[in-house]
């Protein structure tokens, strides 16, 4: 990953991480509160789109991710099949139908990929490149699951020198305990925790 320059007037992007049916109630790897979180993100984005220079979505898009999928998953390094490329579950959540993102990044085709920065868009651009070309200095991160892909994406944004905020009411963890641990790690790395109202 090459480093975006944080200079000049702040330019903010909204990163919508893995808001897909596969991670919501009724999906292959559901997180409790996923559908409600998807709708809350859609409502927030519709009301506050003018705050953002870019809106970028990420998706798990697994074709053959090797041992990331398992029939006997440990739910740490191995998981039941989810986000399978080309299936309805892997598409963006229907609540986001009106989002019209500026860019969409897919990740994990042939390997595990938690961070949105591990994916590319249809033009082959990485998330780091998309943000760099948009002269982005700050990101607000929302999505599913807070304890996994949201956490990894936020930490990578900070590693790139971007300023990052987690909108705490627009994300949901796999478990409360994992969510608390993820928030502690993100704050230690420099992330801000704010509600969407505070943002």
Protein backbone atom coordinates (compact mmCIF):
# COMPACT_ATOMS: atom_id res chain seq x y z
CA UNK A 1 0.00 0.00 0.00
CA UNK A 2 1.32 3.40 -0.90
CA UNK A 3 0.65 6.22 1.52
CA UNK A 4 -1.92 8.93 0.79
CA UNK A 5 -0.73 12.39 1.74
CA UNK A 6 -2.71 14.09 4.51
CA UNK A 7 -2.27 17.72 3.50
CA UNK A 8 -4.39 20.78 2.74
CA UNK A 9 -8.11 21.04 3.31
CA UNK A 10 -9.55 17.87 4.90
CA UNK A 11 -11.47 15.65 2.50
CA UNK A 12 -13.56 12.90 4.04
CA UNK A 13 -14.69 9.53 2.66
CA UNK A 14 -17.37 7.20 4.00
CA UNK A 15 -16.20 3.58 3.96
CA UNK A 16 -19.13 1.15 4.04
CA UNK A 17 -17.60 -2.20 4.96
CA UNK A 18 -19.18 -5.52 3.97
CA UNK A 19 -22.85 -4.58 4.35
CA UNK A 20 -24.04 -7.75 2.64
CA UNK A 21 -26.91 -10.18 3.25
CA UNK A 22 -24.39 -12.93 3.99
CA UNK A 23 -23.52 -11.16 7.26
CA UNK A 24 -27.10 -10.31 8.25
CA UNK A 25 -29.94 -12.30 9.76
CA UNK A 26 -30.89 -15.02 7.29
CA UNK A 27 -27.41 -15.10 5.74
CA UNK A 28 -24.69 -17.72 5.84
CA UNK A 29 -22.67 -15.99 8.57
CA UNK A 30 -25.19 -13.75 10.31
CA UNK A 31 -24.42 -11.04 12.85
CA UNK A 32 -27.27 -10.11 15.17
CA UNK A 33 -28.43 -6.62 14.27
CA UNK A 34 -27.00 -6.79 10.76
CA UNK A 35 -30.21 -5.90 8.89
CA UNK A 36 -30.98 -3.00 11.21
CA UNK A 37 -27.42 -1.73 10.83
CA UNK A 38 -27.70 -1.91 7.04
CA UNK A 39 -30.85 0.21 7.12
CA UNK A 40 -29.32 2.70 9.57
CA UNK A 41 -26.29 3.12 7.30
CA UNK A 42 -28.53 3.64 4.29
CA UNK A 43 -30.54 6.29 6.14
CA UNK A 44 -27.42 8.07 7.37
CA UNK A 45 -25.79 8.07 3.94
CA UNK A 46 -28.95 9.40 2.29
CA UNK A 47 -29.13 12.29 4.76
CA UNK A 48 -25.44 13.15 4.89
CA UNK A 49 -24.01 12.35 1.46
CA UNK A 50 -22.95 15.99 1.05
CA UNK A 51 -20.46 15.59 3.91
CA UNK A 52 -18.34 13.16 1.92
CA UNK A 53 -16.05 13.64 -1.05
CA UNK A 54 -16.29 9.89 -1.71
CA UNK A 55 -18.46 6.97 -0.64
CA UNK A 56 -16.80 3.57 -1.08
CA UNK A 57 -18.25 0.13 -0.37
CA UNK A 58 -16.37 -3.10 0.27
CA UNK A 59 -17.61 -6.67 -0.16
CA UNK A 60 -16.40 -10.13 0.67
CA UNK A 61 -16.36 -11.79 -2.77
CA UNK A 62 -15.02 -15.30 -2.27
CA UNK A 63 -14.47 -17.56 -5.29
CA UNK A 64 -12.09 -20.13 -3.79
CA UNK A 65 -10.50 -18.70 -0.66
CA UNK A 66 -8.77 -21.91 0.36
CA UNK A 67 -8.76 -22.78 4.05
CA UNK A 68 -10.69 -19.60 4.89
CA UNK A 69 -13.74 -21.83 4.26
CA UNK A 70 -14.18 -24.97 6.32
CA UNK A 71 -16.82 -27.61 6.98
CA UNK A 72 -15.56 -27.61 10.60
CA UNK A 73 -14.81 -23.91 11.17
CA UNK A 74 -13.14 -22.57 14.29
CA UNK A 75 -14.67 -19.11 13.75
CA UNK A 76 -11.23 -17.56 14.24
CA UNK A 77 -9.22 -18.47 11.14
CA UNK A 78 -11.76 -20.66 9.36
CA UNK A 79 -15.42 -19.98 8.62
CA UNK A 80 -18.47 -21.52 6.97
CA UNK A 81 -18.78 -20.53 3.30
CA UNK A 82 -20.02 -16.95 3.04
CA UNK A 83 -19.91 -14.06 0.61
CA UNK A 84 -19.63 -16.48 -2.31
CA UNK A 85 -18.87 -14.58 -5.51
CA UNK A 86 -21.83 -14.26 -7.84
CA UNK A 87 -24.50 -15.10 -5.27
CA UNK A 88 -27.21 -12.78 -4.02
CA UNK A 89 -25.78 -13.01 -0.50
CA UNK A 90 -22.52 -11.47 -1.68
CA UNK A 91 -24.15 -8.44 -3.28
CA UNK A 92 -24.62 -5.22 -1.35
CA UNK A 93 -27.51 -5.34 1.08
CA UNK A 94 -30.82 -4.34 -0.55
CA UNK A 95 -31.08 -1.46 1.92
CA UNK A 96 -28.15 0.14 0.08
CA UNK A 97 -29.90 0.12 -3.30
CA UNK A 98 -30.04 3.91 -3.30
CA UNK A 99 -26.48 4.45 -2.06
CA UNK A 100 -24.80 4.70 -5.52
CA UNK A 101 -21.21 4.54 -4.20
CA UNK A 102 -18.42 6.32 -6.01
CA UNK A 103 -16.38 3.11 -5.94
CA UNK A 104 -16.96 -0.51 -4.91
CA UNK A 105 -14.13 -2.77 -3.76
CA UNK A 106 -14.33 -6.56 -3.66
CA UNK A 107 -11.90 -8.68 -1.68
CA UNK A 108 -10.98 -12.23 -0.82
CA UNK A 109 -11.50 -14.03 -4.11
CA UNK A 110 -8.74 -16.58 -3.50
CA UNK A 111 -7.67 -15.91 0.09
CA UNK A 112 -8.98 -14.62 3.37
CA UNK A 113 -9.30 -10.84 3.27
CA UNK A 114 -10.61 -8.86 6.20
CA UNK A 115 -9.52 -5.33 5.37
CA UNK A 116 -11.09 -3.38 2.52
CA UNK A 117 -7.56 -2.35 1.63
CA UNK A 118 -6.93 -5.91 0.42
CA UNK A 119 -9.46 -5.56 -2.40
CA UNK A 120 -9.79 -3.85 -5.76
CA UNK A 121 -12.55 -2.26 -7.81
CA UNK A 122 -13.58 -3.24 -11.35
CA UNK A 123 -10.72 -1.13 -12.73
CA UNK A 124 -8.19 -2.94 -10.55
CA UNK A 125 -7.68 0.01 -8.23
CA UNK A 126 -6.94 -0.70 -4.59
CA UNK A 127 -8.82 1.17 -1.88
CA UNK A 128 -5.62 3.04 -1.04
CA UNK A 129 -5.35 4.21 -4.64
CA UNK A 130 -9.02 5.23 -4.78
CA UNK A 131 -8.61 7.35 -1.66
CA UNK A 132 -5.32 8.79 -2.85
CA UNK A 133 -6.79 9.78 -6.22
CA UNK A 134 -9.70 11.39 -4.36
CA UNK A 135 -7.26 13.36 -2.19
CA UNK A 136 -8.91 11.87 0.90
CA UNK A 137 -7.42 12.76 4.28
CA UNK A 138 -10.12 11.46 6.64
CA UNK A 139 -12.38 8.40 6.66
CA UNK A 140 -15.53 7.50 8.54
CA UNK A 141 -15.88 3.73 8.80
CA UNK A 142 -19.19 1.87 9.19
CA UNK A 143 -20.39 -1.66 8.45
CA UNK A 144 -20.28 -5.31 9.45
CA UNK A 145 -18.71 -6.76 11.49
CA UNK A 146 -17.11 -4.25 13.80
CA UNK A 147 -14.94 -6.90 15.42
CA UNK A 148 -13.51 -8.21 12.16
CA UNK A 149 -13.57 -6.45 8.77
CA UNK A 150 -14.51 -3.01 10.12
CA UNK A 151 -11.66 -3.26 12.62
CA UNK A 152 -9.14 -4.41 9.99
CA UNK A 153 -10.15 -1.68 7.53
CA UNK A 154 -9.93 1.03 10.19
CA UNK A 155 -6.49 -0.12 11.34
CA UNK A 156 -5.18 -0.17 7.76
CA UNK A 157 -6.55 3.34 7.14
CA UNK A 158 -4.63 4.56 10.18
CA UNK A 159 -1.48 2.74 9.02
CA UNK A 160 -1.73 4.71 5.77
CA UNK A 161 -1.69 7.98 7.67
CA UNK A 162 -5.39 8.72 7.24
CA UNK A 163 -7.44 10.08 10.11
CA UNK A 164 -10.16 7.57 10.94
CA UNK A 165 -13.41 7.71 12.86
CA UNK A 166 -15.61 4.72 13.69
CA UNK A 167 -19.31 5.64 13.71
CA UNK A 168 -20.25 3.44 16.64
CA UNK A 169 -24.00 3.24 16.02
CA UNK A 170 -23.50 2.24 12.38
CA UNK A 171 -21.58 -0.96 13.01
CA UNK A 172 -22.22 -4.16 14.93
CA UNK A 173 -19.77 -6.78 16.29
CA UNK A 174 -20.02 -10.55 16.23
CA UNK A 175 -20.20 -10.48 20.04
CA UNK A 176 -20.17 -7.58 22.53
CA UNK A 177 -16.90 -8.85 23.98
CA UNK A 178 -15.21 -8.93 20.57
CA UNK A 179 -16.61 -5.49 19.82
CA UNK A 180 -15.17 -4.03 23.01
CA UNK A 181 -11.76 -5.53 22.27
CA UNK A 182 -11.84 -4.19 18.70
CA UNK A 183 -12.77 -0.69 19.85
CA UNK A 184 -9.94 -0.72 22.39
CA UNK A 185 -7.47 -1.72 19.67
CA UNK A 186 -8.73 0.89 17.21
CA UNK A 187 -8.56 3.68 19.79
CA UNK A 188 -5.04 2.63 20.77
CA UNK A 189 -4.06 2.90 17.09
CA UNK A 190 -5.49 6.43 16.85
CA UNK A 191 -9.11 6.02 15.76
CA UNK A 192 -11.87 8.23 17.11
CA UNK A 193 -15.13 6.68 18.31
CA UNK A 194 -18.15 8.88 17.61
CA UNK A 195 -21.85 8.38 16.99
CA UNK A 196 -23.34 9.33 13.66
CA UNK A 197 -25.03 12.26 15.39
CA UNK A 198 -21.70 13.49 16.71
CA UNK A 199 -20.13 13.06 13.29
